[in-house]
N, C-alpha and C. Protein backbone atom coordinates (compact mmCIF):
# COMPACT_ATOMS: atom_id res chain seq x y z
N MET A 1 89.69 108.70 100.22
CA MET A 1 90.31 109.01 98.93
C MET A 1 90.93 107.75 98.35
N MET A 2 90.67 107.53 97.07
CA MET A 2 91.29 106.39 96.40
C MET A 2 92.74 106.74 96.11
N PRO A 3 93.69 105.99 96.66
CA PRO A 3 95.09 106.38 96.49
C PRO A 3 95.64 106.21 95.08
N ILE A 4 95.15 105.23 94.33
CA ILE A 4 95.71 104.99 93.00
C ILE A 4 94.87 105.75 91.97
N VAL A 5 95.49 106.73 91.31
CA VAL A 5 94.77 107.52 90.31
C VAL A 5 94.87 106.90 88.92
N MET A 6 95.91 106.10 88.68
CA MET A 6 96.09 105.45 87.38
C MET A 6 97.22 104.44 87.48
N ALA A 7 97.12 103.42 86.66
CA ALA A 7 98.21 102.45 86.51
C ALA A 7 98.50 102.34 85.02
N ARG A 8 99.77 102.27 84.66
CA ARG A 8 100.14 102.24 83.24
C ARG A 8 101.17 101.14 82.99
N VAL A 9 100.92 100.37 81.94
CA VAL A 9 101.88 99.38 81.47
C VAL A 9 102.69 100.03 80.36
N ASP A 10 103.98 100.15 80.58
CA ASP A 10 104.89 100.70 79.56
C ASP A 10 106.26 100.10 79.82
N GLU A 11 106.77 99.38 78.85
CA GLU A 11 108.07 98.73 79.04
C GLU A 11 109.20 99.73 79.25
N ARG A 12 108.99 100.98 78.86
CA ARG A 12 110.02 102.00 79.10
C ARG A 12 109.95 102.55 80.52
N LEU A 13 108.92 102.19 81.25
CA LEU A 13 108.68 102.66 82.62
C LEU A 13 108.53 104.17 82.63
N ILE A 14 109.43 104.93 83.24
CA ILE A 14 109.31 106.39 83.25
C ILE A 14 110.18 106.96 82.14
N HIS A 15 109.61 107.85 81.36
CA HIS A 15 110.33 108.53 80.28
C HIS A 15 109.69 109.90 80.13
N GLY A 16 110.11 110.68 79.17
CA GLY A 16 109.62 112.04 79.02
C GLY A 16 108.11 112.15 78.94
N GLN A 17 107.49 111.31 78.13
CA GLN A 17 106.04 111.32 77.98
C GLN A 17 105.34 111.04 79.30
N MET A 18 105.89 110.12 80.08
CA MET A 18 105.31 109.81 81.39
C MET A 18 105.39 111.02 82.31
N ALA A 19 106.58 111.60 82.40
CA ALA A 19 106.78 112.71 83.33
C ALA A 19 106.00 113.95 82.92
N LEU A 20 105.99 114.25 81.62
CA LEU A 20 105.38 115.49 81.16
C LEU A 20 103.89 115.39 80.90
N ALA A 21 103.39 114.23 80.54
CA ALA A 21 101.98 114.11 80.20
C ALA A 21 101.19 113.33 81.25
N TRP A 22 101.54 112.09 81.46
CA TRP A 22 100.73 111.23 82.33
C TRP A 22 100.71 111.68 83.78
N LEU A 23 101.86 111.91 84.36
CA LEU A 23 101.90 112.27 85.78
C LEU A 23 101.22 113.61 86.03
N ARG A 24 101.36 114.54 85.12
CA ARG A 24 100.70 115.85 85.26
C ARG A 24 99.20 115.75 85.07
N THR A 25 98.77 115.02 84.05
CA THR A 25 97.33 114.89 83.77
C THR A 25 96.59 114.29 84.96
N TYR A 26 97.19 113.33 85.60
CA TYR A 26 96.54 112.67 86.73
C TYR A 26 96.93 113.28 88.07
N ASN A 27 97.66 114.39 88.02
CA ASN A 27 98.00 115.16 89.22
C ASN A 27 98.59 114.27 90.31
N ALA A 28 99.42 113.33 89.90
CA ALA A 28 100.03 112.40 90.85
C ALA A 28 101.07 113.11 91.71
N ASP A 29 101.13 112.74 92.98
CA ASP A 29 102.22 113.27 93.80
C ASP A 29 103.21 112.18 94.19
N CYS A 30 102.99 110.97 93.68
CA CYS A 30 103.94 109.89 93.91
C CYS A 30 103.77 108.85 92.81
N VAL A 31 104.87 108.43 92.22
CA VAL A 31 104.82 107.36 91.23
C VAL A 31 105.54 106.15 91.82
N ILE A 32 104.89 105.01 91.71
CA ILE A 32 105.50 103.76 92.16
C ILE A 32 105.80 102.93 90.92
N VAL A 33 107.08 102.72 90.67
CA VAL A 33 107.53 101.90 89.55
C VAL A 33 107.73 100.49 90.09
N ILE A 34 106.99 99.55 89.53
CA ILE A 34 107.06 98.16 89.98
C ILE A 34 107.80 97.36 88.91
N ASP A 35 109.07 97.10 89.19
CA ASP A 35 109.92 96.43 88.20
C ASP A 35 111.06 95.73 88.92
N ASP A 36 111.06 94.41 88.89
CA ASP A 36 112.07 93.64 89.61
C ASP A 36 113.49 94.01 89.20
N GLY A 37 113.73 94.12 87.90
CA GLY A 37 115.08 94.44 87.41
C GLY A 37 115.57 95.79 87.88
N SER A 38 114.72 96.79 87.83
CA SER A 38 115.12 98.14 88.24
C SER A 38 115.27 98.25 89.75
N ALA A 39 114.43 97.54 90.49
CA ALA A 39 114.49 97.61 91.95
C ALA A 39 115.81 97.09 92.50
N HIS A 40 116.45 96.19 91.75
CA HIS A 40 117.69 95.57 92.22
C HIS A 40 118.92 96.06 91.46
N ASP A 41 118.77 97.18 90.76
CA ASP A 41 119.87 97.78 90.01
C ASP A 41 119.96 99.25 90.39
N ALA A 42 120.97 99.60 91.17
CA ALA A 42 121.08 100.96 91.72
C ALA A 42 121.08 102.03 90.63
N MET A 43 121.75 101.78 89.51
CA MET A 43 121.80 102.76 88.43
C MET A 43 120.43 102.97 87.80
N LYS A 44 119.73 101.88 87.47
CA LYS A 44 118.39 102.00 86.89
C LYS A 44 117.44 102.71 87.85
N LYS A 45 117.55 102.36 89.11
CA LYS A 45 116.69 102.97 90.13
C LYS A 45 116.93 104.48 90.19
N MET A 46 118.19 104.89 90.19
CA MET A 46 118.52 106.31 90.24
C MET A 46 118.00 107.03 88.99
N LEU A 47 118.15 106.43 87.82
CA LEU A 47 117.68 107.05 86.58
C LEU A 47 116.16 107.21 86.58
N LEU A 48 115.44 106.22 87.07
CA LEU A 48 113.98 106.32 87.15
C LEU A 48 113.56 107.42 88.11
N GLU A 49 114.23 107.50 89.25
CA GLU A 49 113.92 108.55 90.22
C GLU A 49 114.18 109.93 89.64
N MET A 50 115.26 110.07 88.88
CA MET A 50 115.57 111.36 88.23
C MET A 50 114.53 111.69 87.16
N ALA A 51 114.10 110.69 86.41
CA ALA A 51 113.13 110.91 85.33
C ALA A 51 111.78 111.39 85.84
N ALA A 52 111.45 111.04 87.07
CA ALA A 52 110.17 111.46 87.65
C ALA A 52 110.15 112.94 88.00
N GLY A 53 111.31 113.57 88.00
CA GLY A 53 111.38 115.00 88.30
C GLY A 53 111.06 115.29 89.75
N VAL A 54 110.17 116.25 89.97
CA VAL A 54 109.87 116.69 91.34
C VAL A 54 108.89 115.77 92.05
N ILE A 55 108.30 114.85 91.32
CA ILE A 55 107.34 113.92 91.92
C ILE A 55 108.11 112.82 92.65
N LYS A 56 107.65 112.49 93.85
CA LYS A 56 108.27 111.41 94.61
C LYS A 56 108.19 110.12 93.80
N CYS A 57 109.29 109.40 93.73
CA CYS A 57 109.36 108.15 92.96
C CYS A 57 109.85 107.02 93.86
N ILE A 58 109.08 105.96 93.89
CA ILE A 58 109.45 104.76 94.62
C ILE A 58 109.64 103.64 93.60
N VAL A 59 110.77 102.99 93.64
CA VAL A 59 111.04 101.87 92.74
C VAL A 59 111.09 100.62 93.60
N CYS A 60 110.23 99.65 93.30
CA CYS A 60 110.20 98.43 94.11
C CYS A 60 109.99 97.21 93.23
N ASP A 61 110.26 96.05 93.80
CA ASP A 61 109.98 94.83 93.07
C ASP A 61 108.53 94.43 93.31
N GLU A 62 108.08 93.44 92.58
CA GLU A 62 106.67 93.07 92.63
C GLU A 62 106.24 92.59 94.01
N THR A 63 107.12 91.92 94.74
CA THR A 63 106.75 91.41 96.06
C THR A 63 106.53 92.53 97.07
N ALA A 64 107.14 93.69 96.87
CA ALA A 64 106.99 94.81 97.81
C ALA A 64 105.92 95.80 97.39
N ALA A 65 105.31 95.62 96.23
CA ALA A 65 104.41 96.63 95.67
C ALA A 65 103.20 96.93 96.56
N LYS A 66 102.51 95.91 97.02
CA LYS A 66 101.32 96.14 97.84
C LYS A 66 101.68 96.91 99.11
N GLU A 67 102.78 96.55 99.73
CA GLU A 67 103.23 97.23 100.94
C GLU A 67 103.55 98.70 100.66
N LYS A 68 104.23 98.98 99.55
CA LYS A 68 104.57 100.37 99.20
C LYS A 68 103.31 101.19 98.94
N ILE A 69 102.31 100.58 98.30
CA ILE A 69 101.04 101.27 98.07
C ILE A 69 100.38 101.59 99.41
N GLU A 70 100.31 100.61 100.29
CA GLU A 70 99.69 100.80 101.60
C GLU A 70 100.41 101.85 102.44
N GLN A 71 101.73 101.94 102.30
CA GLN A 71 102.51 102.94 103.04
C GLN A 71 102.26 104.36 102.53
N ASN A 72 101.67 104.49 101.36
CA ASN A 72 101.47 105.81 100.77
C ASN A 72 100.00 106.16 100.58
N ILE A 73 99.13 105.57 101.40
CA ILE A 73 97.72 105.93 101.40
C ILE A 73 97.64 107.42 101.74
N GLY A 74 96.78 108.13 101.06
CA GLY A 74 96.67 109.58 101.28
C GLY A 74 97.37 110.37 100.19
N LYS A 75 98.21 109.70 99.44
CA LYS A 75 98.86 110.35 98.29
C LYS A 75 98.12 109.92 97.02
N LYS A 76 98.28 110.72 95.98
CA LYS A 76 97.73 110.36 94.67
C LYS A 76 98.80 109.53 93.95
N LEU A 77 98.59 108.23 93.91
CA LEU A 77 99.59 107.31 93.39
C LEU A 77 99.37 106.98 91.91
N PHE A 78 100.44 107.02 91.16
CA PHE A 78 100.45 106.59 89.77
C PHE A 78 101.36 105.38 89.73
N LEU A 79 100.83 104.23 89.33
CA LEU A 79 101.63 103.01 89.28
C LEU A 79 102.12 102.78 87.86
N CYS A 80 103.33 102.29 87.74
CA CYS A 80 103.90 102.01 86.43
C CYS A 80 104.63 100.66 86.49
N ALA A 81 104.37 99.84 85.47
CA ALA A 81 105.04 98.55 85.36
C ALA A 81 105.24 98.23 83.88
N GLY A 82 106.16 97.35 83.61
CA GLY A 82 106.45 96.98 82.23
C GLY A 82 105.61 95.83 81.71
N ASN A 83 104.81 95.22 82.59
CA ASN A 83 104.07 94.03 82.21
C ASN A 83 102.69 94.02 82.88
N PRO A 84 101.62 93.68 82.16
CA PRO A 84 100.28 93.66 82.77
C PRO A 84 100.14 92.64 83.89
N SER A 85 100.99 91.62 83.91
CA SER A 85 100.90 90.61 84.97
C SER A 85 101.11 91.22 86.36
N VAL A 86 101.87 92.31 86.43
CA VAL A 86 102.10 92.99 87.71
C VAL A 86 100.77 93.48 88.28
N PHE A 87 99.95 94.10 87.44
CA PHE A 87 98.67 94.63 87.91
C PHE A 87 97.66 93.52 88.16
N LEU A 88 97.72 92.46 87.38
CA LEU A 88 96.87 91.30 87.63
C LEU A 88 97.16 90.75 89.02
N HIS A 89 98.42 90.64 89.37
CA HIS A 89 98.83 90.14 90.68
C HIS A 89 98.33 91.06 91.79
N LEU A 90 98.46 92.38 91.61
CA LEU A 90 97.98 93.33 92.63
C LEU A 90 96.47 93.22 92.82
N LEU A 91 95.73 93.12 91.72
CA LEU A 91 94.27 92.96 91.82
C LEU A 91 93.92 91.68 92.55
N GLN A 92 94.63 90.61 92.27
CA GLN A 92 94.39 89.34 92.95
C GLN A 92 94.69 89.44 94.44
N GLU A 93 95.59 90.35 94.82
CA GLU A 93 95.91 90.57 96.24
C GLU A 93 94.93 91.53 96.90
N GLY A 94 93.94 92.03 96.15
CA GLY A 94 92.93 92.90 96.73
C GLY A 94 93.22 94.39 96.64
N VAL A 95 94.24 94.78 95.90
CA VAL A 95 94.55 96.20 95.71
C VAL A 95 93.55 96.79 94.72
N ALA A 96 92.92 97.90 95.08
CA ALA A 96 91.95 98.56 94.21
C ALA A 96 92.68 99.41 93.17
N VAL A 97 92.63 98.97 91.94
CA VAL A 97 93.25 99.70 90.82
C VAL A 97 92.11 100.11 89.89
N PRO A 98 91.71 101.39 89.91
CA PRO A 98 90.53 101.80 89.15
C PRO A 98 90.69 101.79 87.64
N GLN A 99 91.90 102.05 87.16
CA GLN A 99 92.11 102.13 85.71
C GLN A 99 93.52 101.69 85.36
N ILE A 100 93.62 100.87 84.32
CA ILE A 100 94.92 100.42 83.83
C ILE A 100 95.02 100.80 82.36
N ASN A 101 96.05 101.57 82.06
CA ASN A 101 96.34 101.95 80.69
C ASN A 101 97.41 101.01 80.15
N ILE A 102 97.10 100.36 79.05
CA ILE A 102 98.10 99.52 78.37
C ILE A 102 98.72 100.43 77.32
N GLY A 103 99.91 100.96 77.62
CA GLY A 103 100.45 102.04 76.81
C GLY A 103 101.58 101.67 75.88
N GLY A 104 102.53 100.89 76.34
CA GLY A 104 103.70 100.61 75.52
C GLY A 104 104.28 99.23 75.76
N ILE A 105 103.95 98.30 74.88
CA ILE A 105 104.54 96.96 74.90
C ILE A 105 105.08 96.77 73.48
N TYR A 106 106.38 96.78 73.36
CA TYR A 106 107.01 96.98 72.06
C TYR A 106 107.36 95.70 71.31
N ASP A 107 107.71 95.88 70.05
CA ASP A 107 107.98 94.79 69.13
C ASP A 107 109.20 93.98 69.56
N LYS A 108 108.99 92.69 69.70
CA LYS A 108 110.06 91.73 70.00
C LYS A 108 109.71 90.44 69.27
N PRO A 109 110.67 89.57 69.06
CA PRO A 109 110.37 88.29 68.41
C PRO A 109 109.25 87.54 69.15
N GLY A 110 108.31 87.01 68.39
CA GLY A 110 107.21 86.25 68.97
C GLY A 110 105.98 87.07 69.29
N ARG A 111 106.06 88.38 69.08
CA ARG A 111 104.93 89.26 69.36
C ARG A 111 104.26 89.70 68.06
N THR A 112 102.96 89.91 68.15
CA THR A 112 102.16 90.35 67.01
C THR A 112 101.62 91.75 67.29
N LYS A 113 101.60 92.59 66.27
CA LYS A 113 101.14 93.97 66.42
C LYS A 113 99.62 94.01 66.61
N LEU A 114 99.19 94.73 67.65
CA LEU A 114 97.78 95.02 67.87
C LEU A 114 97.50 96.48 67.52
N TYR A 115 98.32 97.37 68.06
CA TYR A 115 98.24 98.81 67.78
C TYR A 115 99.66 99.30 67.50
N LYS A 116 99.78 100.57 67.22
CA LYS A 116 101.08 101.18 66.89
C LYS A 116 102.15 100.88 67.95
N THR A 117 101.77 100.93 69.23
CA THR A 117 102.75 100.73 70.30
C THR A 117 102.45 99.50 71.16
N ILE A 118 101.63 98.61 70.65
CA ILE A 118 101.29 97.40 71.40
C ILE A 118 101.54 96.16 70.55
N PHE A 119 102.48 95.35 71.01
CA PHE A 119 102.82 94.08 70.37
C PHE A 119 102.71 93.00 71.44
N LEU A 120 101.93 91.96 71.17
CA LEU A 120 101.63 90.98 72.20
C LEU A 120 101.95 89.56 71.76
N ASP A 121 102.40 88.76 72.75
CA ASP A 121 102.47 87.32 72.55
C ASP A 121 101.27 86.71 73.29
N ASP A 122 101.15 85.41 73.28
CA ASP A 122 99.98 84.76 73.89
C ASP A 122 99.88 85.04 75.39
N LYS A 123 101.00 85.04 76.10
CA LYS A 123 101.00 85.28 77.55
C LYS A 123 100.52 86.70 77.86
N LEU A 124 101.03 87.69 77.14
CA LEU A 124 100.60 89.07 77.36
C LEU A 124 99.11 89.23 77.07
N LYS A 125 98.64 88.63 75.98
CA LYS A 125 97.21 88.68 75.64
C LYS A 125 96.38 88.10 76.78
N GLN A 126 96.79 86.94 77.27
CA GLN A 126 96.04 86.29 78.34
C GLN A 126 96.04 87.12 79.61
N ASP A 127 97.16 87.73 79.95
CA ASP A 127 97.22 88.58 81.15
C ASP A 127 96.27 89.76 81.02
N ILE A 128 96.24 90.40 79.85
CA ILE A 128 95.34 91.54 79.65
C ILE A 128 93.89 91.08 79.72
N LEU A 129 93.56 89.99 79.04
CA LEU A 129 92.19 89.46 79.09
C LEU A 129 91.78 89.07 80.51
N SER A 130 92.72 88.59 81.31
CA SER A 130 92.42 88.20 82.69
C SER A 130 92.04 89.39 83.56
N LEU A 131 92.45 90.58 83.17
CA LEU A 131 92.09 91.79 83.93
C LEU A 131 90.59 92.04 83.91
N GLU A 132 89.90 91.49 82.91
CA GLU A 132 88.45 91.67 82.79
C GLU A 132 87.70 91.06 83.98
N ALA A 133 88.31 90.13 84.67
CA ALA A 133 87.68 89.48 85.83
C ALA A 133 87.47 90.45 86.99
N PHE A 134 88.02 91.65 86.88
CA PHE A 134 87.91 92.65 87.94
C PHE A 134 87.04 93.79 87.43
N PRO A 135 85.71 93.72 87.68
CA PRO A 135 84.77 94.68 87.08
C PRO A 135 84.96 96.13 87.54
N ASN A 136 85.63 96.35 88.63
CA ASN A 136 85.86 97.72 89.10
C ASN A 136 87.13 98.33 88.53
N THR A 137 87.75 97.64 87.60
CA THR A 137 88.98 98.12 86.96
C THR A 137 88.73 98.30 85.47
N LYS A 138 88.91 99.53 85.01
CA LYS A 138 88.78 99.84 83.58
C LYS A 138 90.14 99.58 82.92
N VAL A 139 90.14 98.87 81.80
CA VAL A 139 91.38 98.57 81.08
C VAL A 139 91.27 99.20 79.70
N GLU A 140 92.23 100.04 79.35
CA GLU A 140 92.17 100.75 78.07
C GLU A 140 93.56 100.95 77.49
N HIS A 141 93.58 101.40 76.23
CA HIS A 141 94.83 101.73 75.56
C HIS A 141 94.79 103.17 75.09
N ARG A 142 95.85 103.89 75.38
CA ARG A 142 96.12 105.23 74.83
C ARG A 142 97.63 105.40 74.86
N GLN A 143 98.16 106.15 73.91
CA GLN A 143 99.59 106.48 73.96
C GLN A 143 99.81 107.64 74.91
N VAL A 144 98.96 108.66 74.79
CA VAL A 144 99.06 109.85 75.64
C VAL A 144 97.68 110.12 76.23
N PRO A 145 97.62 110.85 77.34
CA PRO A 145 96.34 111.05 78.03
C PRO A 145 95.25 111.69 77.18
N ARG A 146 95.61 112.55 76.25
CA ARG A 146 94.58 113.24 75.46
C ARG A 146 93.98 112.37 74.35
N ASP A 147 94.57 111.20 74.09
CA ASP A 147 94.04 110.29 73.07
C ASP A 147 92.70 109.70 73.53
N PHE A 148 91.91 109.27 72.57
CA PHE A 148 90.66 108.57 72.83
C PHE A 148 90.98 107.21 73.45
N GLU A 149 90.24 106.84 74.49
CA GLU A 149 90.45 105.54 75.14
C GLU A 149 89.92 104.42 74.25
N VAL A 150 90.75 103.43 74.01
CA VAL A 150 90.39 102.27 73.19
C VAL A 150 90.17 101.08 74.13
N ASP A 151 89.08 100.36 73.93
CA ASP A 151 88.78 99.17 74.73
C ASP A 151 89.63 98.00 74.22
N ILE A 152 90.79 97.84 74.80
CA ILE A 152 91.74 96.82 74.34
C ILE A 152 91.21 95.41 74.54
N ILE A 153 90.44 95.19 75.60
CA ILE A 153 89.90 93.85 75.84
C ILE A 153 88.91 93.47 74.74
N ALA A 154 88.05 94.40 74.35
CA ALA A 154 87.10 94.12 73.26
C ALA A 154 87.86 93.81 71.97
N ASP A 155 88.92 94.57 71.70
CA ASP A 155 89.71 94.33 70.49
C ASP A 155 90.42 92.97 70.52
N LEU A 156 90.87 92.55 71.69
CA LEU A 156 91.54 91.25 71.81
C LEU A 156 90.56 90.09 71.62
N LYS A 157 89.29 90.32 71.89
CA LYS A 157 88.28 89.27 71.76
C LYS A 157 87.79 89.11 70.32
N LYS A 158 88.13 90.04 69.45
CA LYS A 158 87.66 89.98 68.05
C LYS A 158 88.29 88.83 67.31
């Protein structure tokens, strides 16, 4: 069984849409939030665990992510991170990530709008384009699971 059912980039990490739509659609029984800031902040960690509801939630930093995934083989894992570089790093470490949804990267100074909920600077663009080097990983954009999948890499190459 492939343990990772989906990976999602969303700067909000876990929120209502994640808990009610994404985790249910992919029938995940464990969500691993990979975020250095949250992993080292007890309050943020507690809030993320509460937001996941009844689904087991593991909050870890990027250096512990591969180990946490390996410790949960046999579960349907949903990975969540605020930056695509996290998943690029996991793929480079040999972790099989079948699909990455680029869902929410929000407006900040220095970023340019690509879609309604995707604003990118040069580093973010390059990280997303670098994911193409992994042919067994599908990279797409949707806000919610029922939306049509958009080929974000093709759009970035235009």
